[in-house]
Amino acid sequence: MKRLLLTISTIAVVSSSSMAQETAAVDTSWKTGGIIGLNFTQVSLSNWAAGGQNSISGIALFNYYANYNKGKNIWDNSIDLGYGLTQNGDADPIKSEDKIDLATKYGRYAFKHWYYSALLGFKSQFTPGYNYPDDSTKISNFMAPAYITLALGMDYKPNDNFSVMIAPVTGRIIIVNDEDLADAGAFGVDPAEYNELFEKVKDGEKMRTEFGASIRALYKKDIIENVNLQTKLELFSNYLEDPQNIDVNWEVLISMKVNKYITATLATQLIYDDNTIIAVDNNSDGIIDEAGPRTQFKEVLGVGFSYKF
């Protein structure tokens, strides 16, 4: 009997020790997660007296984060991808969403809720974009533009839901890796040069560098049950050229959970870039009436499948 009790006690001690080691082995320094979403909209008409047109659209979204927090160090990483198409009637599909947004930010504790920080960001798109309904005029492409940003400054992060980074030292590279767009001087690069016979004597530059200051603010929170808000605001001022003209990129995403897999989403994005020239045809006669920097705005409301992990 004594041997049996001793054996049971030994097994219990060893098991407890093993469980403690397994628990201790779990690394709680990392927090990871994300959302995969697929939104669909369809309109089908047959002998419809009121008129109309068949249409179908779909948008795929992928959002992932991996954040590290241990001791005096924090390291936030994010991937934000989106792509969508819309087809009206028998027309060719056109893009309704196209986004690549990658960011990594490291911080070292300075004092209460403040961190010395460095940020590296990359933005571009997957496929060419056109000035619809004119699908012969290309206005963007993969890596045209692409924005690479390196920022140094201070990050205020009181909790996991909110942070604002103030970076008085920010370098930005704008890449236009498309010869047609580079020759046209798109997105602020130097355009091609031509002689009096309109023969090109020098290619357009495919890169533009800027140096200035930036602010990047992030906020995310479940504002009520089953309703999540995420917003990101980015501001940039170029010290070297027209610093008073501040570039703005403000994104808002509201997710309303219907059940485990169905979610309604409302996404908006507001952009102002002084180097992005928008051509406007006021009366749709095919002639450009005016061109210049303009406030860009996009809103997408959809219902579809989503998986949060």
C-alpha atoms as a PDB file:
ATOM      1  CA  MET A   1       0.000   0.000   0.000  1.00  0.00           C
ATOM      2  CA  LYS A   2       2.819   2.386   0.893  1.00  0.00           C
ATOM      3  CA  ARG A   3       4.514   1.614  -2.435  1.00  0.00           C
ATOM      4  CA  LEU A   4       1.243   2.355  -4.293  1.00  0.00           C
ATOM      5  CA  LEU A   5       0.798   5.693  -2.502  1.00  0.00           C
ATOM      6  CA  LEU A   6       4.437   6.584  -3.174  1.00  0.00           C
ATOM      7  CA  THR A   7       4.038   5.734  -6.878  1.00  0.00           C
ATOM      8  CA  ILE A   8       0.841   7.823  -7.186  1.00  0.00           C
ATOM      9  CA  SER A   9       2.488  10.753  -5.397  1.00  0.00           C
ATOM     10  CA  THR A  10       5.529  10.586  -7.669  1.00  0.00           C
ATOM     11  CA  ILE A  11       3.350  10.531 -10.810  1.00  0.00           C
ATOM     12  CA  ALA A  12       1.315  13.492  -9.525  1.00  0.00           C
ATOM     13  CA  VAL A  13       4.434  15.539  -8.801  1.00  0.00           C
ATOM     14  CA  VAL A  14       5.979  14.755 -12.197  1.00  0.00           C
ATOM     15  CA  SER A  15       2.701  15.524 -14.009  1.00  0.00           C
ATOM     16  CA  SER A  16       2.287  18.825 -12.180  1.00  0.00           C
ATOM     17  CA  SER A  17       5.862  19.763 -12.995  1.00  0.00           C
ATOM     18  CA  SER A  18       5.376  18.899 -16.671  1.00  0.00           C
ATOM     19  CA  MET A  19       2.156  20.920 -16.870  1.00  0.00           C
ATOM     20  CA  ALA A  20       3.856  23.877 -15.240  1.00  0.00           C
ATOM     21  CA  GLN A  21       6.704  23.671 -17.750  1.00  0.00           C
ATOM     22  CA  GLU A  22       4.226  23.506 -20.657  1.00  0.00           C
ATOM     23  CA  THR A  23       2.337  26.525 -19.297  1.00  0.00           C
ATOM     24  CA  ALA A  24       5.571  28.421 -18.840  1.00  0.00           C
ATOM     25  CA  ALA A  25       6.567  27.532 -22.400  1.00  0.00           C
ATOM     26  CA  VAL A  26       3.556  29.363 -23.859  1.00  0.00           C
ATOM     27  CA  ASP A  27       4.860  32.669 -25.200  1.00  0.00           C
ATOM     28  CA  THR A  28       2.359  35.379 -24.287  1.00  0.00           C
ATOM     29  CA  SER A  29       4.572  38.104 -25.729  1.00  0.00           C
ATOM     30  CA  TRP A  30       2.939  37.729 -29.145  1.00  0.00           C
ATOM     31  CA  LYS A  31      -0.627  38.598 -30.039  1.00  0.00           C
ATOM     32  CA  THR A  32      -1.739  37.555 -33.508  1.00  0.00           C
ATOM     33  CA  GLY A  33      -5.009  37.580 -35.368  1.00  0.00           C
ATOM     34  CA  GLY A  34      -6.852  38.764 -38.406  1.00  0.00           C
ATOM     35  CA  ILE A  35      -9.921  38.704 -40.620  1.00  0.00           C
ATOM     36  CA  ILE A  36     -10.638  37.045 -43.950  1.00  0.00           C
ATOM     37  CA  GLY A  37     -13.702  38.435 -45.711  1.00  0.00           C
ATOM     38  CA  LEU A  38     -15.583  37.913 -48.960  1.00  0.00           C
ATOM     39  CA  ASN A  39     -18.456  40.255 -49.850  1.00  0.00           C
ATOM     40  CA  PHE A  40     -20.878  39.643 -52.722  1.00  0.00           C
ATOM     41  CA  THR A  41     -23.591  41.708 -54.405  1.00  0.00           C
ATOM     42  CA  GLN A  42     -25.774  40.486 -57.284  1.00  0.00           C
ATOM     43  CA  VAL A  43     -28.670  41.970 -59.264  1.00  0.00           C
ATOM     44  CA  SER A  44     -30.491  39.729 -61.765  1.00  0.00           C
ATOM     45  CA  LEU A  45     -33.363  41.119 -63.899  1.00  0.00           C
ATOM     46  CA  SER A  46     -35.655  39.412 -66.406  1.00  0.00           C
ATOM     47  CA  ASN A  47     -38.356  41.307 -68.301  1.00  0.00           C
ATOM     48  CA  TRP A  48     -38.203  43.993 -65.631  1.00  0.00           C
ATOM     49  CA  ALA A  49     -40.601  46.791 -66.639  1.00  0.00           C
ATOM     50  CA  ALA A  50     -38.863  49.418 -64.526  1.00  0.00           C
ATOM     51  CA  GLY A  51     -35.620  48.792 -66.398  1.00  0.00           C
ATOM     52  CA  GLY A  52     -32.186  48.153 -64.999  1.00  0.00           C
ATOM     53  CA  GLN A  53     -29.115  46.056 -65.626  1.00  0.00           C
ATOM     54  CA  ASN A  54     -27.762  42.789 -64.310  1.00  0.00           C
ATOM     55  CA  SER A  55     -24.704  43.228 -62.142  1.00  0.00           C
ATOM     56  CA  ILE A  56     -22.420  41.251 -59.908  1.00  0.00           C
ATOM     57  CA  SER A  57     -19.597  42.368 -57.659  1.00  0.00           C
ATOM     58  CA  GLY A  58     -17.259  40.816 -55.160  1.00  0.00           C
ATOM     59  CA  ILE A  59     -14.565  42.042 -52.797  1.00  0.00           C
ATOM     60  CA  ALA A  60     -12.008  39.882 -50.987  1.00  0.00           C
ATOM     61  CA  LEU A  61     -10.276  41.248 -47.890  1.00  0.00           C
ATOM     62  CA  PHE A  62      -7.412  39.954 -45.784  1.00  0.00           C
ATOM     63  CA  ASN A  63      -6.198  41.643 -42.618  1.00  0.00           C
ATOM     64  CA  TYR A  64      -3.536  40.194 -40.318  1.00  0.00           C
ATOM     65  CA  TYR A  65      -1.551  41.489 -37.370  1.00  0.00           C
ATOM     66  CA  ALA A  66       1.296  40.114 -35.248  1.00  0.00           C
ATOM     67  CA  ASN A  67       2.233  42.287 -32.278  1.00  0.00           C
ATOM     68  CA  TYR A  68       5.050  41.686 -29.785  1.00  0.00           C
ATOM     69  CA  ASN A  69       5.193  43.240 -26.333  1.00  0.00           C
ATOM     70  CA  LYS A  70       7.773  42.219 -23.765  1.00  0.00           C
ATOM     71  CA  GLY A  71       9.767  44.227 -21.302  1.00  0.00           C
ATOM     72  CA  LYS A  72      10.672  47.578 -22.829  1.00  0.00           C
ATOM     73  CA  ASN A  73      10.148  46.437 -26.412  1.00  0.00           C
ATOM     74  CA  ILE A  74       7.094  46.528 -28.660  1.00  0.00           C
ATOM     75  CA  TRP A  75       6.924  45.430 -32.278  1.00  0.00           C
ATOM     76  CA  ASP A  76       3.735  45.787 -34.329  1.00  0.00           C
ATOM     77  CA  ASN A  77       3.304  44.198 -37.768  1.00  0.00           C
ATOM     78  CA  SER A  78       0.308  44.360 -40.102  1.00  0.00           C
ATOM     79  CA  ILE A  79      -0.811  43.143 -43.527  1.00  0.00           C
ATOM     80  CA  ASP A  80      -3.872  44.708 -45.159  1.00  0.00           C
ATOM     81  CA  LEU A  81      -4.900  43.407 -48.588  1.00  0.00           C
ATOM     82  CA  GLY A  82      -8.018  43.918 -50.664  1.00  0.00           C
ATOM     83  CA  TYR A  83      -9.216  43.258 -54.187  1.00  0.00           C
ATOM     84  CA  GLY A  84     -12.634  43.591 -55.785  1.00  0.00           C
ATOM     85  CA  LEU A  85     -14.364  43.511 -59.182  1.00  0.00           C
ATOM     86  CA  THR A  86     -17.723  44.743 -60.454  1.00  0.00           C
ATOM     87  CA  GLN A  87     -19.440  43.716 -63.689  1.00  0.00           C
ATOM     88  CA  ASN A  88     -22.479  45.537 -65.076  1.00  0.00           C
ATOM     89  CA  GLY A  89     -24.388  43.723 -67.819  1.00  0.00           C
ATOM     90  CA  ASP A  90     -22.122  42.426 -70.572  1.00  0.00           C
ATOM     91  CA  ALA A  91     -19.401  45.004 -69.930  1.00  0.00           C
ATOM     92  CA  ASP A  92     -15.932  43.948 -68.873  1.00  0.00           C
ATOM     93  CA  PRO A  93     -15.336  43.740 -65.116  1.00  0.00           C
ATOM     94  CA  ILE A  94     -13.825  46.831 -63.523  1.00  0.00           C
ATOM     95  CA  LYS A  95     -11.977  47.220 -60.239  1.00  0.00           C
ATOM     96  CA  SER A  96     -13.785  48.349 -57.133  1.00  0.00           C
ATOM     97  CA  GLU A  97     -10.975  47.660 -54.644  1.00  0.00           C
ATOM     98  CA  ASP A  98      -7.226  47.158 -54.958  1.00  0.00           C
ATOM     99  CA  LYS A  99      -4.919  47.563 -51.985  1.00  0.00           C
ATOM    100  CA  ILE A 100      -1.574  46.360 -50.644  1.00  0.00           C
ATOM    101  CA  ASP A 101      -0.621  47.894 -47.293  1.00  0.00           C
ATOM    102  CA  LEU A 102       2.246  46.454 -45.219  1.00  0.00           C
ATOM    103  CA  ALA A 103       3.720  48.006 -42.085  1.00  0.00           C
ATOM    104  CA  THR A 104       6.164  47.143 -39.318  1.00  0.00           C
ATOM    105  CA  LYS A 105       6.879  49.364 -36.317  1.00  0.00           C
ATOM    106  CA  TYR A 106       9.404  48.871 -33.510  1.00  0.00           C
ATOM    107  CA  GLY A 107       9.335  50.752 -30.226  1.00  0.00           C
ATOM    108  CA  ARG A 108      11.627  51.013 -27.208  1.00  0.00           C
ATOM    109  CA  TYR A 109      10.135  52.267 -23.931  1.00  0.00           C
ATOM    110  CA  ALA A 110      11.035  55.877 -23.094  1.00  0.00           C
ATOM    111  CA  PHE A 111       8.639  56.987 -20.346  1.00  0.00           C
ATOM    112  CA  LYS A 112       4.971  56.628 -19.419  1.00  0.00           C
ATOM    113  CA  HIS A 113       3.165  55.264 -22.524  1.00  0.00           C
ATOM    114  CA  TRP A 114       5.792  56.786 -24.842  1.00  0.00           C
ATOM    115  CA  TYR A 115       8.241  54.815 -27.003  1.00  0.00           C
ATOM    116  CA  TYR A 116      11.178  55.700 -29.238  1.00  0.00           C
ATOM    117  CA  SER A 117       9.930  54.254 -32.521  1.00  0.00           C
ATOM    118  CA  ALA A 118      10.843  53.410 -36.100  1.00  0.00           C
ATOM    119  CA  LEU A 119       8.312  52.549 -38.787  1.00  0.00           C
ATOM    120  CA  LEU A 120       8.710  50.964 -42.217  1.00  0.00           C
ATOM    121  CA  GLY A 121       5.712  50.930 -44.545  1.00  0.00           C
ATOM    122  CA  PHE A 122       4.910  49.786 -48.080  1.00  0.00           C
ATOM    123  CA  LYS A 123       1.809  50.531 -50.175  1.00  0.00           C
ATOM    124  CA  SER A 124       0.841  49.639 -53.719  1.00  0.00           C
ATOM    125  CA  GLN A 125      -1.807  47.764 -55.716  1.00  0.00           C
ATOM    126  CA  PHE A 126      -2.153  44.458 -57.596  1.00  0.00           C
ATOM    127  CA  THR A 127      -3.355  45.324 -61.114  1.00  0.00           C
ATOM    128  CA  PRO A 128      -3.610  48.275 -63.543  1.00  0.00           C
ATOM    129  CA  GLY A 129      -6.231  50.942 -62.956  1.00  0.00           C
ATOM    130  CA  TYR A 130      -8.022  52.920 -65.654  1.00  0.00           C
ATOM    131  CA  ASN A 131      -9.941  56.161 -65.929  1.00  0.00           C
ATOM    132  CA  TYR A 132     -13.329  54.439 -66.301  1.00  0.00           C
ATOM    133  CA  PRO A 133     -15.453  54.411 -68.383  1.00  0.00           C
ATOM    134  CA  ASP A 134     -12.432  54.974 -70.648  1.00  0.00           C
ATOM    135  CA  ASP A 135     -10.543  51.704 -70.187  1.00  0.00           C
ATOM    136  CA  SER A 136      -7.806  52.774 -72.605  1.00  0.00           C
ATOM    137  CA  THR A 137      -6.344  55.410 -70.294  1.00  0.00           C
ATOM    138  CA  LYS A 138      -4.177  53.749 -67.663  1.00  0.00           C
ATOM    139  CA  ILE A 139      -3.776  55.810 -64.505  1.00  0.00           C
ATOM    140  CA  SER A 140      -2.015  53.343 -62.171  1.00  0.00           C
ATOM    141  CA  ASN A 141      -0.415  49.910 -62.034  1.00  0.00           C
ATOM    142  CA  PHE A 142       1.379  47.494 -59.733  1.00  0.00           C
ATOM    143  CA  MET A 143       4.359  49.405 -58.276  1.00  0.00           C
ATOM    144  CA  ALA A 144       3.054  52.519 -60.023  1.00  0.00           C
ATOM    145  CA  PRO A 145       2.710  54.014 -57.622  1.00  0.00           C
ATOM    146  CA  ALA A 146       4.385  52.280 -54.713  1.00  0.00           C
ATOM    147  CA  TYR A 147       5.104  54.171 -51.516  1.00  0.00           C
ATOM    148  CA  ILE A 148       7.965  53.180 -49.217  1.00  0.00           C
ATOM    149  CA  THR A 149       8.075  55.091 -45.939  1.00  0.00           C
ATOM    150  CA  LEU A 150      10.693  55.106 -43.181  1.00  0.00           C
ATOM    151  CA  ALA A 151       9.795  57.177 -40.122  1.00  0.00           C
ATOM    152  CA  LEU A 152      11.643  57.903 -36.860  1.00  0.00           C
ATOM    153  CA  GLY A 153       9.947  59.500 -33.883  1.00  0.00           C
ATOM    154  CA  MET A 154       7.931  58.935 -30.729  1.00  0.00           C
ATOM    155  CA  ASP A 155       4.948  56.624 -30.361  1.00  0.00           C
ATOM    156  CA  TYR A 156       2.245  57.185 -27.728  1.00  0.00           C
ATOM    157  CA  LYS A 157       0.593  53.849 -26.939  1.00  0.00           C
ATOM    158  CA  PRO A 158      -1.425  53.778 -23.695  1.00  0.00           C
ATOM    159  CA  ASN A 159      -3.094  50.437 -24.542  1.00  0.00           C
ATOM    160  CA  ASP A 160      -3.505  47.846 -27.293  1.00  0.00           C
ATOM    161  CA  ASN A 161      -6.417  49.740 -28.871  1.00  0.00           C
ATOM    162  CA  PHE A 162      -4.811  53.116 -29.555  1.00  0.00           C
ATOM    163  CA  SER A 163      -1.489  54.507 -30.724  1.00  0.00           C
ATOM    164  CA  VAL A 164      -0.259  57.691 -32.356  1.00  0.00           C
ATOM    165  CA  MET A 165       3.247  58.048 -33.769  1.00  0.00           C
ATOM    166  CA  ILE A 166       4.739  61.507 -34.284  1.00  0.00           C
ATOM    167  CA  ALA A 167       7.740  61.317 -36.611  1.00  0.00           C
ATOM    168  CA  PRO A 168       9.591  64.582 -37.383  1.00  0.00           C
ATOM    169  CA  VAL A 169      12.077  62.549 -39.444  1.00  0.00           C
ATOM    170  CA  THR A 170      10.289  60.761 -42.282  1.00  0.00           C
ATOM    171  CA  GLY A 171      11.656  59.690 -45.638  1.00  0.00           C
ATOM    172  CA  ARG A 172       9.328  58.626 -48.422  1.00  0.00           C
ATOM    173  CA  ILE A 173      10.133  57.064 -51.789  1.00  0.00           C
ATOM    174  CA  ILE A 174       7.491  57.129 -54.527  1.00  0.00           C
ATOM    175  CA  ILE A 175       8.095  54.510 -57.230  1.00  0.00           C
ATOM    176  CA  VAL A 176       6.388  54.680 -60.636  1.00  0.00           C
ATOM    177  CA  ASN A 177       7.595  51.479 -62.313  1.00  0.00           C
ATOM    178  CA  ASP A 178       5.534  51.959 -65.473  1.00  0.00           C
ATOM    179  CA  GLU A 179       7.120  53.708 -68.446  1.00  0.00           C
ATOM    180  CA  ASP A 180       3.909  55.304 -69.733  1.00  0.00           C
ATOM    181  CA  LEU A 181       3.013  56.734 -66.337  1.00  0.00           C
ATOM    182  CA  ALA A 182       6.585  57.808 -65.607  1.00  0.00           C
ATOM    183  CA  ASP A 183       6.812  59.594 -68.970  1.00  0.00           C
ATOM    184  CA  ALA A 184       3.580  61.416 -68.149  1.00  0.00           C
ATOM    185  CA  GLY A 185       4.995  62.580 -64.807  1.00  0.00           C
ATOM    186  CA  ALA A 186       2.361  60.732 -62.782  1.00  0.00           C
ATOM    187  CA  PHE A 187       2.457  60.922 -58.977  1.00  0.00           C
ATOM    188  CA  GLY A 188       4.991  63.732 -58.936  1.00  0.00           C
ATOM    189  CA  VAL A 189       7.944  62.160 -60.769  1.00  0.00           C
ATOM    190  CA  ASP A 190       9.811  64.187 -63.398  1.00  0.00           C
ATOM    191  CA  PRO A 191       8.173  63.569 -66.820  1.00  0.00           C
ATOM    192  CA  ALA A 192       9.892  62.583 -70.054  1.00  0.00           C
ATOM    193  CA  GLU A 193      11.562  65.233 -72.203  1.00  0.00           C
ATOM    194  CA  TYR A 194      10.819  65.653 -75.916  1.00  0.00           C
ATOM    195  CA  ASN A 195      12.430  67.631 -78.738  1.00  0.00           C
ATOM    196  CA  GLU A 196      10.639  69.949 -81.164  1.00  0.00           C
ATOM    197  CA  LEU A 197       9.634  66.923 -83.278  1.00  0.00           C
ATOM    198  CA  PHE A 198       7.950  65.357 -80.234  1.00  0.00           C
ATOM    199  CA  GLU A 199      10.589  62.632 -80.112  1.00  0.00           C
ATOM    200  CA  LYS A 200      11.446  61.465 -76.636  1.00  0.00           C
ATOM    201  CA  VAL A 201      14.996  62.362 -75.713  1.00  0.00           C
ATOM    202  CA  LYS A 202      14.838  61.434 -72.033  1.00  0.00           C
ATOM    203  CA  ASP A 203      12.682  58.922 -70.180  1.00  0.00           C
ATOM    204  CA  GLY A 204      10.543  60.011 -67.299  1.00  0.00           C
ATOM    205  CA  GLU A 205      11.950  59.388 -63.829  1.00  0.00           C
ATOM    206  CA  LYS A 206      10.602  56.302 -62.070  1.00  0.00           C
ATOM    207  CA  MET A 207      11.380  57.448 -58.553  1.00  0.00           C
ATOM    208  CA  ARG A 208      10.740  60.502 -56.404  1.00  0.00           C
ATOM    209  CA  THR A 209      12.163  61.047 -52.920  1.00  0.00           C
ATOM    210  CA  GLU A 210      10.625  63.191 -50.210  1.00  0.00           C
ATOM    211  CA  PHE A 211      11.732  64.161 -46.711  1.00  0.00           C
ATOM    212  CA  GLY A 212       9.388  65.516 -44.096  1.00  0.00           C
ATOM    213  CA  ALA A 213       7.300  64.853 -41.001  1.00  0.00           C
ATOM    214  CA  SER A 214       4.467  62.411 -40.464  1.00  0.00           C
ATOM    215  CA  ILE A 215       1.766  61.434 -37.996  1.00  0.00           C
ATOM    216  CA  ARG A 216       0.193  57.970 -37.897  1.00  0.00           C
ATOM    217  CA  ALA A 217      -2.747  57.241 -35.585  1.00  0.00           C
ATOM    218  CA  LEU A 218      -4.494  53.887 -35.104  1.00  0.00           C
ATOM    219  CA  TYR A 219      -7.624  53.056 -33.117  1.00  0.00           C
ATOM    220  CA  LYS A 220      -9.638  49.848 -32.849  1.00  0.00           C
ATOM    221  CA  LYS A 221     -12.394  48.883 -30.443  1.00  0.00           C
ATOM    222  CA  ASP A 222     -15.638  46.946 -30.080  1.00  0.00           C
ATOM    223  CA  ILE A 223     -17.865  50.017 -29.733  1.00  0.00           C
ATOM    224  CA  ILE A 224     -20.923  47.908 -28.877  1.00  0.00           C
ATOM    225  CA  GLU A 225     -21.588  44.172 -28.853  1.00  0.00           C
ATOM    226  CA  ASN A 226     -20.818  42.630 -32.266  1.00  0.00           C
ATOM    227  CA  VAL A 227     -19.798  45.988 -33.754  1.00  0.00           C
ATOM    228  CA  ASN A 228     -16.089  46.662 -34.255  1.00  0.00           C
ATOM    229  CA  LEU A 229     -14.495  49.945 -35.331  1.00  0.00           C
ATOM    230  CA  GLN A 230     -11.017  50.265 -36.852  1.00  0.00           C
ATOM    231  CA  THR A 231      -9.598  53.538 -38.119  1.00  0.00           C
ATOM    232  CA  LYS A 232      -6.204  54.732 -39.335  1.00  0.00           C
ATOM    233  CA  LEU A 233      -5.113  58.304 -40.058  1.00  0.00           C
ATOM    234  CA  GLU A 234      -1.821  59.134 -41.800  1.00  0.00           C
ATOM    235  CA  LEU A 235      -0.534  62.668 -42.394  1.00  0.00           C
ATOM    236  CA  PHE A 236       2.648  63.694 -44.212  1.00  0.00           C
ATOM    237  CA  SER A 237       4.279  67.070 -44.876  1.00  0.00           C
ATOM    238  CA  ASN A 238       7.197  67.332 -47.301  1.00  0.00           C
ATOM    239  CA  TYR A 239       9.847  69.715 -45.933  1.00  0.00           C
ATOM    240  CA  LEU A 240      11.427  70.037 -49.387  1.00  0.00           C
ATOM    241  CA  GLU A 241       8.388  71.182 -51.372  1.00  0.00           C
ATOM    242  CA  ASP A 242       5.175  72.939 -50.316  1.00  0.00           C
ATOM    243  CA  PRO A 243       5.212  71.738 -46.686  1.00  0.00           C
ATOM    244  CA  GLN A 244       1.858  73.452 -46.122  1.00  0.00           C
ATOM    245  CA  ASN A 245       0.188  70.951 -48.489  1.00  0.00           C
ATOM    246  CA  ILE A 246      -0.338  67.985 -46.182  1.00  0.00           C
ATOM    247  CA  ASP A 247      -0.985  64.542 -47.651  1.00  0.00           C
ATOM    248  CA  VAL A 248      -3.887  62.750 -45.957  1.00  0.00           C
ATOM    249  CA  ASN A 249      -4.883  59.082 -45.884  1.00  0.00           C
ATOM    250  CA  TRP A 250      -7.805  58.268 -43.554  1.00  0.00           C
ATOM    251  CA  GLU A 251      -9.392  54.821 -43.471  1.00  0.00           C
ATOM    252  CA  VAL A 252     -12.398  53.644 -41.448  1.00  0.00           C
ATOM    253  CA  LEU A 253     -13.750  50.091 -41.226  1.00  0.00           C
ATOM    254  CA  ILE A 254     -16.905  49.215 -39.277  1.00  0.00           C
ATOM    255  CA  SER A 255     -17.729  45.505 -38.992  1.00  0.00           C
ATOM    256  CA  MET A 256     -21.180  44.430 -37.790  1.00  0.00           C
ATOM    257  CA  LYS A 257     -21.374  40.745 -36.965  1.00  0.00           C
ATOM    258  CA  VAL A 258     -24.670  39.087 -37.932  1.00  0.00           C
ATOM    259  CA  ASN A 259     -23.714  35.568 -36.855  1.00  0.00           C
ATOM    260  CA  LYS A 260     -20.606  33.414 -36.667  1.00  0.00           C
ATOM    261  CA  TYR A 261     -19.781  33.728 -40.370  1.00  0.00           C
ATOM    262  CA  ILE A 262     -21.920  36.568 -41.779  1.00  0.00           C
ATOM    263  CA  THR A 263     -20.738  40.157 -41.340  1.00  0.00           C
ATOM    264  CA  ALA A 264     -21.874  43.503 -42.709  1.00  0.00           C
ATOM    265  CA  THR A 265     -19.050  45.970 -43.329  1.00  0.00           C
ATOM    266  CA  LEU A 266     -18.844  49.667 -44.041  1.00  0.00           C
ATOM    267  CA  ALA A 267     -15.458  50.873 -45.280  1.00  0.00           C
ATOM    268  CA  THR A 268     -14.463  54.413 -46.207  1.00  0.00           C
ATOM    269  CA  GLN A 269     -11.194  55.954 -47.350  1.00  0.00           C
ATOM    270  CA  LEU A 270     -10.311  59.618 -47.846  1.00  0.00           C
ATOM    271  CA  ILE A 271      -7.080  60.555 -49.647  1.00  0.00           C
ATOM    272  CA  TYR A 272      -5.459  63.842 -50.529  1.00  0.00           C
ATOM    273  CA  ASP A 273      -2.047  63.816 -52.214  1.00  0.00           C
ATOM    274  CA  ASP A 274      -0.790  67.069 -53.687  1.00  0.00           C
ATOM    275  CA  ASN A 275       1.306  65.135 -56.236  1.00  0.00           C
ATOM    276  CA  THR A 276      -1.572  63.035 -57.572  1.00  0.00           C
ATOM    277  CA  ILE A 277      -3.186  64.881 -60.471  1.00  0.00           C
ATOM    278  CA  ILE A 278      -6.839  64.009 -61.125  1.00  0.00           C
ATOM    279  CA  ALA A 279      -8.188  64.724 -64.622  1.00  0.00           C
ATOM    280  CA  VAL A 280     -11.868  65.727 -64.760  1.00  0.00           C
ATOM    281  CA  ASP A 281     -14.263  65.593 -67.711  1.00  0.00           C
ATOM    282  CA  ASN A 282     -17.153  67.740 -66.487  1.00  0.00           C
ATOM    283  CA  ASN A 283     -19.588  67.074 -69.353  1.00  0.00           C
ATOM    284  CA  SER A 284     -18.527  63.539 -70.409  1.00  0.00           C
ATOM    285  CA  ASP A 285     -17.519  64.636 -73.906  1.00  0.00           C
ATOM    286  CA  GLY A 286     -14.154  62.901 -73.771  1.00  0.00           C
ATOM    287  CA  ILE A 287     -12.263  66.166 -73.339  1.00  0.00           C
ATOM    288  CA  ILE A 288     -10.412  66.902 -70.096  1.00  0.00           C
ATOM    289  CA  ASP A 289     -11.775  70.168 -68.710  1.00  0.00           C
ATOM    290  CA  GLU A 290      -9.452  70.514 -65.733  1.00  0.00           C
ATOM    291  CA  ALA A 291      -6.748  68.628 -63.867  1.00  0.00           C
ATOM    292  CA  GLY A 292      -5.134  68.996 -60.476  1.00  0.00           C
ATOM    293  CA  PRO A 293      -4.891  67.527 -56.988  1.00  0.00           C
ATOM    294  CA  ARG A 294      -8.293  66.661 -55.539  1.00  0.00           C
ATOM    295  CA  THR A 295      -9.760  65.027 -52.462  1.00  0.00           C
ATOM    296  CA  GLN A 296     -10.435  61.360 -53.215  1.00  0.00           C
ATOM    297  CA  PHE A 297     -13.170  59.466 -51.366  1.00  0.00           C
ATOM    298  CA  LYS A 298     -14.311  55.850 -51.483  1.00  0.00           C
ATOM    299  CA  GLU A 299     -17.153  54.119 -49.623  1.00  0.00           C
ATOM    300  CA  VAL A 300     -17.993  50.414 -49.735  1.00  0.00           C
ATOM    301  CA  LEU A 301     -20.973  48.822 -47.975  1.00  0.00           C
ATOM    302  CA  GLY A 302     -21.238  45.065 -48.178  1.00  0.00           C
ATOM    303  CA  VAL A 303     -22.546  41.887 -46.596  1.00  0.00           C
ATOM    304  CA  GLY A 304     -20.680  38.638 -46.861  1.00  0.00           C
ATOM    305  CA  PHE A 305     -18.731  35.843 -45.274  1.00  0.00           C
ATOM    306  CA  SER A 306     -15.996  36.589 -42.783  1.00  0.00           C
ATOM    307  CA  TYR A 307     -13.735  34.569 -40.543  1.00  0.00           C
ATOM    308  CA  LYS A 308     -11.948  36.126 -37.609  1.00  0.00           C
ATOM    309  CA  PHE A 309      -8.905  34.361 -36.179  1.00  0.00           C
END
